[in-house]
């Protein structure tokens, strides 16, 4: 996150690449449009989308496995797991849509270094 890197560098060293807090170029790093249109922010959103897809895939796989086991039929009915499976499948489908990362604009996303 370049804006965070810049502010931390200023806190430690008093400047960032020779710029201070009063420098308009440095302040521009914190502009909303500059942030949401940056490559580093897009990477955070793509990473979040990837994490979400994997999460919903795990959820649907676990629900399918549990509901397929005849031993748990009464629990599947009691907990309404068929409906929950449908909701999880819908969430997985939404997270797998090509425009899902765009729908995350305004969120923090996920740090790509965490993958």
PDB file of N, CA and C in Angstrom:
ATOM      1  N   UNK A   1       0.851  -1.184   0.000  1.00  0.00           N
ATOM      2  CA  UNK A   1       0.000   0.000   0.000  1.00  0.00           C
ATOM      3  C   UNK A   1       0.900   1.253   0.000  1.00  0.00           C
ATOM      4  N   UNK A   2       1.151   1.807  -1.166  1.00  0.00           N
ATOM      5  CA  UNK A   2       2.052   2.957  -1.256  1.00  0.00           C
ATOM      6  C   UNK A   2       1.707   4.138  -0.344  1.00  0.00           C
ATOM      7  N   UNK A   3       0.440   4.527  -0.176  1.00  0.00           N
ATOM      8  CA  UNK A   3       0.185   5.637   0.744  1.00  0.00           C
ATOM      9  C   UNK A   3       0.622   5.317   2.180  1.00  0.00           C
ATOM     10  N   UNK A   4       0.354   4.109   2.625  1.00  0.00           N
ATOM     11  CA  UNK A   4       0.756   3.713   3.968  1.00  0.00           C
ATOM     12  C   UNK A   4       2.277   3.659   4.080  1.00  0.00           C
ATOM     13  N   UNK A   5       2.918   3.117   3.068  1.00  0.00           N
ATOM     14  CA  UNK A   5       4.375   3.067   3.044  1.00  0.00           C
ATOM     15  C   UNK A   5       4.945   4.482   3.145  1.00  0.00           C
ATOM     16  N   UNK A   6       4.363   5.416   2.391  1.00  0.00           N
ATOM     17  CA  UNK A   6       4.847   6.805   2.402  1.00  0.00           C
ATOM     18  C   UNK A   6       4.685   7.440   3.776  1.00  0.00           C
ATOM     19  N   UNK A   7       3.531   7.274   4.393  1.00  0.00           N
ATOM     20  CA  UNK A   7       3.284   7.926   5.684  1.00  0.00           C
ATOM     21  C   UNK A   7       4.163   7.324   6.769  1.00  0.00           C
ATOM     22  N   UNK A   8       4.366   6.027   6.738  1.00  0.00           N
ATOM     23  CA  UNK A   8       5.248   5.393   7.719  1.00  0.00           C
ATOM     24  C   UNK A   8       6.700   5.844   7.523  1.00  0.00           C
ATOM     25  N   UNK A   9       7.103   5.975   6.281  1.00  0.00           N
ATOM     26  CA  UNK A   9       8.459   6.440   5.989  1.00  0.00           C
ATOM     27  C   UNK A   9       8.647   7.866   6.508  1.00  0.00           C
ATOM     28  N   UNK A  10       7.643   8.703   6.333  1.00  0.00           N
ATOM     29  CA  UNK A  10       7.703  10.082   6.832  1.00  0.00           C
ATOM     30  C   UNK A  10       7.757  10.097   8.358  1.00  0.00           C
ATOM     31  N   UNK A  11       6.994   9.233   8.989  1.00  0.00           N
ATOM     32  CA  UNK A  11       7.000   9.182  10.450  1.00  0.00           C
ATOM     33  C   UNK A  11       8.390   8.819  10.981  1.00  0.00           C
ATOM     34  N   UNK A  12       9.093   7.964  10.266  1.00  0.00           N
ATOM     35  CA  UNK A  12      10.410   7.514  10.715  1.00  0.00           C
ATOM     36  C   UNK A  12      11.519   8.477  10.275  1.00  0.00           C
ATOM     37  N   UNK A  13      11.451   8.898   9.014  1.00  0.00           N
ATOM     38  CA  UNK A  13      12.568   9.651   8.436  1.00  0.00           C
ATOM     39  C   UNK A  13      12.280  11.134   8.189  1.00  0.00           C
ATOM     40  N   UNK A  14      11.037  11.541   8.323  1.00  0.00           N
ATOM     41  CA  UNK A  14      10.695  12.946   8.102  1.00  0.00           C
ATOM     42  C   UNK A  14      10.383  13.292   6.661  1.00  0.00           C
ATOM     43  N   UNK A  15      10.639  12.359   5.718  1.00  0.00           N
ATOM     44  CA  UNK A  15      10.302  12.594   4.313  1.00  0.00           C
ATOM     45  C   UNK A  15      10.170  11.247   3.610  1.00  0.00           C
ATOM     46  N   UNK A  16       9.605  11.302   2.421  1.00  0.00           N
ATOM     47  CA  UNK A  16       9.483  10.116   1.575  1.00  0.00           C
ATOM     48  C   UNK A  16       9.947  10.508   0.181  1.00  0.00           C
ATOM     49  N   UNK A  17      11.057   9.959  -0.253  1.00  0.00           N
ATOM     50  CA  UNK A  17      11.657  10.329  -1.546  1.00  0.00           C
ATOM     51  C   UNK A  17      11.822  11.838  -1.664  1.00  0.00           C
ATOM     52  N   UNK A  18      12.206  12.456  -0.550  1.00  0.00           N
ATOM     53  CA  UNK A  18      12.431  13.891  -0.536  1.00  0.00           C
ATOM     54  C   UNK A  18      11.170  14.720  -0.374  1.00  0.00           C
ATOM     55  N   UNK A  19      10.016  14.063  -0.274  1.00  0.00           N
ATOM     56  CA  UNK A  19       8.744  14.769  -0.138  1.00  0.00           C
ATOM     57  C   UNK A  19       8.311  14.788   1.319  1.00  0.00           C
ATOM     58  N   UNK A  20       7.644  15.870   1.711  1.00  0.00           N
ATOM     59  CA  UNK A  20       7.090  15.982   3.057  1.00  0.00           C
ATOM     60  C   UNK A  20       5.573  15.927   2.967  1.00  0.00           C
ATOM     61  N   UNK A  21       4.922  16.007   4.098  1.00  0.00           N
ATOM     62  CA  UNK A  21       3.459  15.973   4.124  1.00  0.00           C
ATOM     63  C   UNK A  21       2.826  17.138   3.365  1.00  0.00           C
ATOM     64  N   UNK A  22       3.569  18.222   3.195  1.00  0.00           N
ATOM     65  CA  UNK A  22       3.036  19.388   2.496  1.00  0.00           C
ATOM     66  C   UNK A  22       3.126  19.258   0.975  1.00  0.00           C
ATOM     67  N   UNK A  23       3.809  18.264   0.480  1.00  0.00           N
ATOM     68  CA  UNK A  23       4.000  18.102  -0.955  1.00  0.00           C
ATOM     69  C   UNK A  23       2.712  17.601  -1.618  1.00  0.00           C
ATOM     70  N   UNK A  24       2.202  18.331  -2.635  1.00  0.00           N
ATOM     71  CA  UNK A  24       0.949  17.923  -3.301  1.00  0.00           C
ATOM     72  C   UNK A  24       1.036  16.536  -3.947  1.00  0.00           C
ATOM     73  N   UNK A  25       2.223  16.177  -4.454  1.00  0.00           N
ATOM     74  CA  UNK A  25       2.397  14.861  -5.067  1.00  0.00           C
ATOM     75  C   UNK A  25       2.201  13.750  -4.037  1.00  0.00           C
ATOM     76  N   UNK A  26       2.705  13.956  -2.854  1.00  0.00           N
ATOM     77  CA  UNK A  26       2.546  12.977  -1.787  1.00  0.00           C
ATOM     78  C   UNK A  26       1.089  12.926  -1.334  1.00  0.00           C
ATOM     79  N   UNK A  27       0.477  14.071  -1.180  1.00  0.00           N
ATOM     80  CA  UNK A  27      -0.923  14.116  -0.760  1.00  0.00           C
ATOM     81  C   UNK A  27      -1.845  13.439  -1.775  1.00  0.00           C
ATOM     82  N   UNK A  28      -1.449  13.501  -3.055  1.00  0.00           N
ATOM     83  CA  UNK A  28      -2.257  12.875  -4.106  1.00  0.00           C
ATOM     84  C   UNK A  28      -2.342  11.361  -3.935  1.00  0.00           C
ATOM     85  N   UNK A  29      -1.356  10.763  -3.254  1.00  0.00           N
ATOM     86  CA  UNK A  29      -1.401   9.322  -2.999  1.00  0.00           C
ATOM     87  C   UNK A  29      -2.633   8.925  -2.194  1.00  0.00           C
ATOM     88  N   UNK A  30      -3.165   9.864  -1.420  1.00  0.00           N
ATOM     89  CA  UNK A  30      -4.287   9.591  -0.529  1.00  0.00           C
ATOM     90  C   UNK A  30      -5.635   9.963  -1.140  1.00  0.00           C
ATOM     91  N   UNK A  31      -5.628  10.429  -2.379  1.00  0.00           N
ATOM     92  CA  UNK A  31      -6.862  10.782  -3.069  1.00  0.00           C
ATOM     93  C   UNK A  31      -7.674   9.514  -3.352  1.00  0.00           C
ATOM     94  N   UNK A  32      -8.956   9.576  -3.107  1.00  0.00           N
ATOM     95  CA  UNK A  32      -9.830   8.408  -3.275  1.00  0.00           C
ATOM     96  C   UNK A  32      -9.719   7.816  -4.669  1.00  0.00           C
ATOM     97  N   UNK A  33      -9.826   8.648  -5.681  1.00  0.00           N
ATOM     98  CA  UNK A  33      -9.757   8.139  -7.055  1.00  0.00           C
ATOM     99  C   UNK A  33      -8.397   7.519  -7.361  1.00  0.00           C
ATOM    100  N   UNK A  34      -7.352   8.111  -6.850  1.00  0.00           N
ATOM    101  CA  UNK A  34      -6.009   7.564  -7.069  1.00  0.00           C
ATOM    102  C   UNK A  34      -5.888   6.184  -6.441  1.00  0.00           C
ATOM    103  N   UNK A  35      -6.484   6.021  -5.294  1.00  0.00           N
ATOM    104  CA  UNK A  35      -6.417   4.725  -4.605  1.00  0.00           C
ATOM    105  C   UNK A  35      -7.226   3.669  -5.342  1.00  0.00           C
ATOM    106  N   UNK A  36      -8.516   3.946  -5.604  1.00  0.00           N
ATOM    107  CA  UNK A  36      -9.373   2.915  -6.204  1.00  0.00           C
ATOM    108  C   UNK A  36      -9.009   2.596  -7.649  1.00  0.00           C
ATOM    109  N   UNK A  37      -8.255   3.461  -8.294  1.00  0.00           N
ATOM    110  CA  UNK A  37      -7.838   3.207  -9.676  1.00  0.00           C
ATOM    111  C   UNK A  37      -6.389   2.732  -9.795  1.00  0.00           C
ATOM    112  N   UNK A  38      -5.770   2.446  -8.665  1.00  0.00           N
ATOM    113  CA  UNK A  38      -4.367   2.031  -8.678  1.00  0.00           C
ATOM    114  C   UNK A  38      -4.225   0.529  -8.922  1.00  0.00           C
ATOM    115  N   UNK A  39      -3.073   0.152  -9.438  1.00  0.00           N
ATOM    116  CA  UNK A  39      -2.781  -1.268  -9.682  1.00  0.00           C
ATOM    117  C   UNK A  39      -2.699  -2.054  -8.382  1.00  0.00           C
ATOM    118  N   UNK A  40      -2.115  -1.448  -7.344  1.00  0.00           N
ATOM    119  CA  UNK A  40      -1.953  -2.170  -6.086  1.00  0.00           C
ATOM    120  C   UNK A  40      -3.319  -2.437  -5.448  1.00  0.00           C
ATOM    121  N   UNK A  41      -4.267  -1.501  -5.594  1.00  0.00           N
ATOM    122  CA  UNK A  41      -5.606  -1.710  -5.037  1.00  0.00           C
ATOM    123  C   UNK A  41      -6.343  -2.786  -5.845  1.00  0.00           C
ATOM    124  N   UNK A  42      -6.193  -2.762  -7.164  1.00  0.00           N
ATOM    125  CA  UNK A  42      -6.820  -3.790  -8.004  1.00  0.00           C
ATOM    126  C   UNK A  42      -6.298  -5.174  -7.621  1.00  0.00           C
ATOM    127  N   UNK A  43      -5.009  -5.261  -7.318  1.00  0.00           N
ATOM    128  CA  UNK A  43      -4.438  -6.547  -6.889  1.00  0.00           C
ATOM    129  C   UNK A  43      -5.047  -7.000  -5.565  1.00  0.00           C
ATOM    130  N   UNK A  44      -5.299  -6.066  -4.660  1.00  0.00           N
ATOM    131  CA  UNK A  44      -5.945  -6.410  -3.382  1.00  0.00           C
ATOM    132  C   UNK A  44      -7.352  -6.960  -3.623  1.00  0.00           C
ATOM    133  N   UNK A  45      -8.080  -6.340  -4.554  1.00  0.00           N
ATOM    134  CA  UNK A  45      -9.447  -6.792  -4.847  1.00  0.00           C
ATOM    135  C   UNK A  45      -9.447  -8.150  -5.524  1.00  0.00           C
ATOM    136  N   UNK A  46      -8.509  -8.374  -6.443  1.00  0.00           N
ATOM    137  CA  UNK A  46      -8.409  -9.685  -7.100  1.00  0.00           C
ATOM    138  C   UNK A  46      -8.059 -10.770  -6.079  1.00  0.00           C
ATOM    139  N   UNK A  47      -7.195 -10.440  -5.137  1.00  0.00           N
ATOM    140  CA  UNK A  47      -6.824 -11.398  -4.098  1.00  0.00           C
ATOM    141  C   UNK A  47      -8.028 -11.715  -3.221  1.00  0.00           C
ATOM    142  N   UNK A  48      -8.790 -10.684  -2.854  1.00  0.00           N
ATOM    143  CA  UNK A  48     -10.003 -10.889  -2.040  1.00  0.00           C
ATOM    144  C   UNK A  48     -10.997 -11.770  -2.785  1.00  0.00           C
ATOM    145  N   UNK A  49     -11.165 -11.528  -4.077  1.00  0.00           N
ATOM    146  CA  UNK A  49     -12.079 -12.347  -4.878  1.00  0.00           C
ATOM    147  C   UNK A  49     -11.620 -13.803  -4.885  1.00  0.00           C
ATOM    148  N   UNK A  50     -10.328 -14.015  -5.020  1.00  0.00           N
ATOM    149  CA  UNK A  50      -9.773 -15.370  -5.018  1.00  0.00           C
ATOM    150  C   UNK A  50     -10.001 -16.055  -3.668  1.00  0.00           C
ATOM    151  N   UNK A  51      -9.772 -15.313  -2.599  1.00  0.00           N
ATOM    152  CA  UNK A  51      -9.983 -15.848  -1.245  1.00  0.00           C
ATOM    153  C   UNK A  51     -11.463 -16.188  -1.036  1.00  0.00           C
ATOM    154  N   UNK A  52     -12.352 -15.303  -1.483  1.00  0.00           N
ATOM    155  CA  UNK A  52     -13.791 -15.550  -1.342  1.00  0.00           C
ATOM    156  C   UNK A  52     -14.228 -16.775  -2.120  1.00  0.00           C
ATOM    157  N   UNK A  53     -13.728 -16.902  -3.370  1.00  0.00           N
ATOM    158  CA  UNK A  53     -14.081 -18.086  -4.172  1.00  0.00           C
ATOM    159  C   UNK A  53     -13.665 -19.369  -3.457  1.00  0.00           C
ATOM    160  N   UNK A  54     -12.451 -19.391  -2.964  1.00  0.00           N
ATOM    161  CA  UNK A  54     -11.952 -20.582  -2.269  1.00  0.00           C
ATOM    162  C   UNK A  54     -12.774 -20.875  -1.013  1.00  0.00           C
ATOM    163  N   UNK A  55     -13.131 -19.840  -0.289  1.00  0.00           N
ATOM    164  CA  UNK A  55     -13.936 -20.013   0.925  1.00  0.00           C
ATOM    165  C   UNK A  55     -15.288 -20.634   0.599  1.00  0.00           C
ATOM    166  N   UNK A  56     -15.986 -20.086  -0.414  1.00  0.00           N
ATOM    167  CA  UNK A  56     -17.309 -20.617  -0.748  1.00  0.00           C
ATOM    168  C   UNK A  56     -17.214 -22.008  -1.359  1.00  0.00           C
ATOM    169  N   UNK A  57     -16.136 -22.303  -2.051  1.00  0.00           N
ATOM    170  CA  UNK A  57     -15.950 -23.661  -2.566  1.00  0.00           C
ATOM    171  C   UNK A  57     -15.801 -24.649  -1.413  1.00  0.00           C
ATOM    172  N   UNK A  58     -15.053 -24.258  -0.384  1.00  0.00           N
ATOM    173  CA  UNK A  58     -14.906 -25.137   0.796  1.00  0.00           C
ATOM    174  C   UNK A  58     -16.248 -25.310   1.500  1.00  0.00           C
ATOM    175  N   UNK A  59     -16.991 -24.221   1.654  1.00  0.00           N
ATOM    176  CA  UNK A  59     -18.293 -24.306   2.326  1.00  0.00           C
ATOM    177  C   UNK A  59     -19.246 -25.230   1.574  1.00  0.00           C
ATOM    178  N   UNK A  60     -19.342 -25.036   0.247  1.00  0.00           N
ATOM    179  CA  UNK A  60     -20.276 -25.877  -0.511  1.00  0.00           C
ATOM    180  C   UNK A  60     -19.836 -27.335  -0.503  1.00  0.00           C
ATOM    181  N   UNK A  61     -18.539 -27.590  -0.587  1.00  0.00           N
ATOM    182  CA  UNK A  61     -18.051 -28.972  -0.561  1.00  0.00           C
ATOM    183  C   UNK A  61     -18.382 -29.629   0.778  1.00  0.00           C
ATOM    184  N   UNK A  62     -18.189 -28.895   1.866  1.00  0.00           N
ATOM    185  CA  UNK A  62     -18.487 -29.456   3.193  1.00  0.00           C
ATOM    186  C   UNK A  62     -19.983 -29.718   3.352  1.00  0.00           C
ATOM    187  N   UNK A  63     -20.801 -28.786   2.894  1.00  0.00           N
ATOM    188  CA  UNK A  63     -22.253 -28.980   3.002  1.00  0.00           C
ATOM    189  C   UNK A  63     -22.725 -30.137   2.125  1.00  0.00           C
ATOM    190  N   UNK A  64     -22.168 -30.254   0.931  1.00  0.00           N
ATOM    191  CA  UNK A  64     -22.542 -31.380   0.055  1.00  0.00           C
ATOM    192  C   UNK A  64     -22.166 -32.720   0.695  1.00  0.00           C
ATOM    193  N   UNK A  65     -20.978 -32.774   1.243  1.00  0.00           N
ATOM    194  CA  UNK A  65     -20.531 -34.019   1.868  1.00  0.00           C
ATOM    195  C   UNK A  65     -21.410 -34.378   3.060  1.00  0.00           C
ATOM    196  N   UNK A  66     -21.740 -33.394   3.872  1.00  0.00           N
ATOM    197  CA  UNK A  66     -22.550 -33.655   5.064  1.00  0.00           C
ATOM    198  C   UNK A  66     -23.962 -34.079   4.671  1.00  0.00           C
ATOM    199  N   UNK A  67     -24.561 -33.343   3.717  1.00  0.00           N
ATOM    200  CA  UNK A  67     -25.948 -33.660   3.337  1.00  0.00           C
ATOM    201  C   UNK A  67     -26.049 -34.980   2.578  1.00  0.00           C
ATOM    202  N   UNK A  68     -24.967 -35.431   1.941  1.00  0.00           N
ATOM    203  CA  UNK A  68     -24.987 -36.692   1.195  1.00  0.00           C
ATOM    204  C   UNK A  68     -24.907 -37.905   2.113  1.00  0.00           C
ATOM    205  N   UNK A  69     -24.465 -37.705   3.336  1.00  0.00           N
ATOM    206  CA  UNK A  69     -24.315 -38.811   4.269  1.00  0.00           C
ATOM    207  C   UNK A  69     -25.679 -39.126   4.903  1.00  0.00           C
ATOM    208  N   UNK A  70     -26.190 -40.315   4.644  1.00  0.00           N
ATOM    209  CA  UNK A  70     -27.522 -40.712   5.120  1.00  0.00           C
ATOM    210  C   UNK A  70     -27.624 -40.741   6.644  1.00  0.00           C
ATOM    211  N   UNK A  71     -26.514 -40.883   7.303  1.00  0.00           N
ATOM    212  CA  UNK A  71     -26.525 -40.919   8.765  1.00  0.00           C
ATOM    213  C   UNK A  71     -27.065 -39.600   9.337  1.00  0.00           C
ATOM    214  N   UNK A  72     -26.843 -38.518   8.613  1.00  0.00           N
ATOM    215  CA  UNK A  72     -27.202 -37.194   9.137  1.00  0.00           C
ATOM    216  C   UNK A  72     -28.518 -36.651   8.576  1.00  0.00           C
ATOM    217  N   UNK A  73     -29.352 -37.467   7.999  1.00  0.00           N
ATOM    218  CA  UNK A  73     -30.582 -37.009   7.362  1.00  0.00           C
ATOM    219  C   UNK A  73     -31.436 -36.156   8.288  1.00  0.00           C
ATOM    220  N   UNK A  74     -31.625 -36.587   9.530  1.00  0.00           N
ATOM    221  CA  UNK A  74     -32.472 -35.811  10.449  1.00  0.00           C
ATOM    222  C   UNK A  74     -31.836 -34.464  10.778  1.00  0.00           C
ATOM    223  N   UNK A  75     -30.515 -34.431  10.892  1.00  0.00           N
ATOM    224  CA  UNK A  75     -29.826 -33.168  11.179  1.00  0.00           C
ATOM    225  C   UNK A  75     -29.867 -32.232   9.979  1.00  0.00           C
ATOM    226  N   UNK A  76     -29.770 -32.799   8.793  1.00  0.00           N
ATOM    227  CA  UNK A  76     -29.844 -31.993   7.571  1.00  0.00           C
ATOM    228  C   UNK A  76     -31.192 -31.291   7.514  1.00  0.00           C
ATOM    229  N   UNK A  77     -32.253 -32.018   7.858  1.00  0.00           N
ATOM    230  CA  UNK A  77     -33.597 -31.428   7.869  1.00  0.00           C
ATOM    231  C   UNK A  77     -33.735 -30.422   8.999  1.00  0.00           C
ATOM    232  N   UNK A  78     -33.292 -30.784  10.192  1.00  0.00           N
ATOM    233  CA  UNK A  78     -33.429 -29.908  11.350  1.00  0.00           C
ATOM    234  C   UNK A  78     -32.698 -28.579  11.155  1.00  0.00           C
ATOM    235  N   UNK A  79     -31.508 -28.658  10.588  1.00  0.00           N
ATOM    236  CA  UNK A  79     -30.693 -27.456  10.397  1.00  0.00           C
ATOM    237  C   UNK A  79     -30.956 -26.757   9.063  1.00  0.00           C
ATOM    238  N   UNK A  80     -31.882 -27.315   8.285  1.00  0.00           N
ATOM    239  CA  UNK A  80     -32.243 -26.745   6.970  1.00  0.00           C
ATOM    240  C   UNK A  80     -30.995 -26.568   6.091  1.00  0.00           C
ATOM    241  N   UNK A  81     -30.189 -27.599   6.056  1.00  0.00           N
ATOM    242  CA  UNK A  81     -28.924 -27.514   5.336  1.00  0.00           C
ATOM    243  C   UNK A  81     -29.097 -27.495   3.825  1.00  0.00           C
ATOM    244  N   UNK A  82     -30.199 -27.987   3.320  1.00  0.00           N
ATOM    245  CA  UNK A  82     -30.436 -27.911   1.877  1.00  0.00           C
ATOM    246  C   UNK A  82     -30.565 -26.455   1.436  1.00  0.00           C
ATOM    247  N   UNK A  83     -31.270 -25.668   2.255  1.00  0.00           N
ATOM    248  CA  UNK A  83     -31.414 -24.240   1.956  1.00  0.00           C
ATOM    249  C   UNK A  83     -30.069 -23.516   2.112  1.00  0.00           C
ATOM    250  N   UNK A  84     -29.317 -23.901   3.127  1.00  0.00           N
ATOM    251  CA  UNK A  84     -28.002 -23.287   3.334  1.00  0.00           C
ATOM    252  C   UNK A  84     -27.053 -23.644   2.195  1.00  0.00           C
ATOM    253  N   UNK A  85     -27.160 -24.854   1.696  1.00  0.00           N
ATOM    254  CA  UNK A  85     -26.339 -25.261   0.558  1.00  0.00           C
ATOM    255  C   UNK A  85     -26.682 -24.418  -0.664  1.00  0.00           C
ATOM    256  N   UNK A  86     -27.963 -24.174  -0.904  1.00  0.00           N
ATOM    257  CA  UNK A  86     -28.366 -23.330  -2.030  1.00  0.00           C
ATOM    258  C   UNK A  86     -27.799 -21.916  -1.877  1.00  0.00           C
ATOM    259  N   UNK A  87     -27.831 -21.393  -0.656  1.00  0.00           N
ATOM    260  CA  UNK A  87     -27.281 -20.059  -0.407  1.00  0.00           C
ATOM    261  C   UNK A  87     -25.772 -20.054  -0.639  1.00  0.00           C
ATOM    262  N   UNK A  88     -25.089 -21.091  -0.185  1.00  0.00           N
ATOM    263  CA  UNK A  88     -23.641 -21.182  -0.365  1.00  0.00           C
ATOM    264  C   UNK A  88     -23.279 -21.319  -1.841  1.00  0.00           C
ATOM    265  N   UNK A  89     -24.072 -22.099  -2.577  1.00  0.00           N
ATOM    266  CA  UNK A  89     -23.823 -22.244  -4.016  1.00  0.00           C
ATOM    267  C   UNK A  89     -24.023 -20.916  -4.736  1.00  0.00           C
ATOM    268  N   UNK A  90     -25.035 -20.162  -4.322  1.00  0.00           N
ATOM    269  CA  UNK A  90     -25.262 -18.842  -4.929  1.00  0.00           C
ATOM    270  C   UNK A  90     -24.108 -17.890  -4.621  1.00  0.00           C
ATOM    271  N   UNK A  91     -23.615 -17.941  -3.395  1.00  0.00           N
ATOM    272  CA  UNK A  91     -22.483 -17.097  -3.016  1.00  0.00           C
ATOM    273  C   UNK A  91     -21.228 -17.514  -3.780  1.00  0.00           C
ATOM    274  N   UNK A  92     -21.030 -18.814  -3.961  1.00  0.00           N
ATOM    275  CA  UNK A  92     -19.880 -19.297  -4.728  1.00  0.00           C
ATOM    276  C   UNK A  92     -19.973 -18.841  -6.182  1.00  0.00           C
ATOM    277  N   UNK A  93     -21.163 -18.922  -6.744  1.00  0.00           N
ATOM    278  CA  UNK A  93     -21.370 -18.475  -8.129  1.00  0.00           C
ATOM    279  C   UNK A  93     -21.100 -16.975  -8.246  1.00  0.00           C
ATOM    280  N   UNK A  94     -21.587 -16.205  -7.286  1.00  0.00           N
ATOM    281  CA  UNK A  94     -21.370 -14.749  -7.305  1.00  0.00           C
ATOM    282  C   UNK A  94     -19.880 -14.430  -7.198  1.00  0.00           C
ATOM    283  N   UNK A  95     -19.178 -15.120  -6.315  1.00  0.00           N
ATOM    284  CA  UNK A  95     -17.748 -14.877  -6.126  1.00  0.00           C
ATOM    285  C   UNK A  95     -16.928 -15.332  -7.324  1.00  0.00           C
ATOM    286  N   UNK A  96     -17.487 -16.187  -8.150  1.00  0.00           N
ATOM    287  CA  UNK A  96     -16.791 -16.680  -9.336  1.00  0.00           C
ATOM    288  C   UNK A  96     -17.097 -15.849 -10.580  1.00  0.00           C
ATOM    289  N   UNK A  97     -18.002 -14.904 -10.463  1.00  0.00           N
ATOM    290  CA  UNK A  97     -18.361 -14.053 -11.605  1.00  0.00           C
ATOM    291  C   UNK A  97     -17.172 -13.176 -11.997  1.00  0.00           C
ATOM    292  N   UNK A  98     -17.018 -12.915 -13.296  1.00  0.00           N
ATOM    293  CA  UNK A  98     -15.879 -12.117 -13.757  1.00  0.00           C
ATOM    294  C   UNK A  98     -15.825 -10.709 -13.167  1.00  0.00           C
ATOM    295  N   UNK A  99     -16.966 -10.144 -12.839  1.00  0.00           N
ATOM    296  CA  UNK A  99     -17.001  -8.770 -12.314  1.00  0.00           C
ATOM    297  C   UNK A  99     -17.053  -8.718 -10.783  1.00  0.00           C
ATOM    298  N   UNK A 100     -16.839  -9.858 -10.127  1.00  0.00           N
ATOM    299  CA  UNK A 100     -16.923  -9.878  -8.666  1.00  0.00           C
ATOM    300  C   UNK A 100     -15.903  -8.953  -8.016  1.00  0.00           C
ATOM    301  N   UNK A 101     -14.677  -8.957  -8.506  1.00  0.00           N
ATOM    302  CA  UNK A 101     -13.639  -8.093  -7.917  1.00  0.00           C
ATOM    303  C   UNK A 101     -14.050  -6.624  -8.004  1.00  0.00           C
ATOM    304  N   UNK A 102     -14.686  -6.234  -9.103  1.00  0.00           N
ATOM    305  CA  UNK A 102     -15.160  -4.851  -9.238  1.00  0.00           C
ATOM    306  C   UNK A 102     -16.224  -4.515  -8.199  1.00  0.00           C
ATOM    307  N   UNK A 103     -17.025  -5.502  -7.831  1.00  0.00           N
ATOM    308  CA  UNK A 103     -18.074  -5.265  -6.839  1.00  0.00           C
ATOM    309  C   UNK A 103     -17.503  -5.028  -5.441  1.00  0.00           C
ATOM    310  N   UNK A 104     -16.224  -5.337  -5.268  1.00  0.00           N
ATOM    311  CA  UNK A 104     -15.568  -5.162  -3.971  1.00  0.00           C
ATOM    312  C   UNK A 104     -14.969  -3.773  -3.798  1.00  0.00           C
ATOM    313  N   UNK A 105     -15.060  -2.923  -4.835  1.00  0.00           N
ATOM    314  CA  UNK A 105     -14.495  -1.569  -4.733  1.00  0.00           C
ATOM    315  C   UNK A 105     -15.071  -0.864  -3.517  1.00  0.00           C
ATOM    316  N   UNK A 106     -14.196  -0.233  -2.777  1.00  0.00           N
ATOM    317  CA  UNK A 106     -14.586   0.445  -1.550  1.00  0.00           C
ATOM    318  C   UNK A 106     -14.252  -0.361  -0.310  1.00  0.00           C
ATOM    319  N   UNK A 107     -13.914  -1.633  -0.509  1.00  0.00           N
ATOM    320  CA  UNK A 107     -13.510  -2.481   0.620  1.00  0.00           C
ATOM    321  C   UNK A 107     -11.984  -2.469   0.735  1.00  0.00           C
ATOM    322  N   UNK A 108     -11.460  -3.070   1.774  1.00  0.00           N
ATOM    323  CA  UNK A 108     -10.024  -3.139   1.943  1.00  0.00           C
ATOM    324  C   UNK A 108      -9.372  -4.160   1.022  1.00  0.00           C
ATOM    325  N   UNK A 109     -10.129  -5.133   0.562  1.00  0.00           N
ATOM    326  CA  UNK A 109      -9.539  -6.202  -0.214  1.00  0.00           C
ATOM    327  C   UNK A 109      -8.704  -7.091   0.700  1.00  0.00           C
ATOM    328  N   UNK A 110      -7.759  -7.807   0.101  1.00  0.00           N
ATOM    329  CA  UNK A 110      -6.876  -8.692   0.848  1.00  0.00           C
ATOM    330  C   UNK A 110      -5.449  -8.490   0.360  1.00  0.00           C
ATOM    331  N   UNK A 111      -4.528  -8.448   1.287  1.00  0.00           N
ATOM    332  CA  UNK A 111      -3.123  -8.257   0.945  1.00  0.00           C
ATOM    333  C   UNK A 111      -2.634  -9.437   0.106  1.00  0.00           C
ATOM    334  N   UNK A 112      -2.163  -9.200  -1.113  1.00  0.00           N
ATOM    335  CA  UNK A 112      -1.697 -10.297  -1.964  1.00  0.00           C
ATOM    336  C   UNK A 112      -0.544 -11.103  -1.362  1.00  0.00           C
ATOM    337  N   UNK A 113       0.190 -10.527  -0.479  1.00  0.00           N
ATOM    338  CA  UNK A 113       1.305 -11.280   0.127  1.00  0.00           C
ATOM    339  C   UNK A 113       0.824 -12.361   1.071  1.00  0.00           C
ATOM    340  N   UNK A 114      -0.452 -12.375   1.392  1.00  0.00           N
ATOM    341  CA  UNK A 114      -0.986 -13.385   2.303  1.00  0.00           C
ATOM    342  C   UNK A 114      -1.310 -14.700   1.622  1.00  0.00           C
ATOM    343  N   UNK A 115      -1.270 -14.722   0.302  1.00  0.00           N
ATOM    344  CA  UNK A 115      -1.573 -15.967  -0.423  1.00  0.00           C
ATOM    345  C   UNK A 115      -0.369 -16.859  -0.499  1.00  0.00           C
TER     346      UNK A 115
END
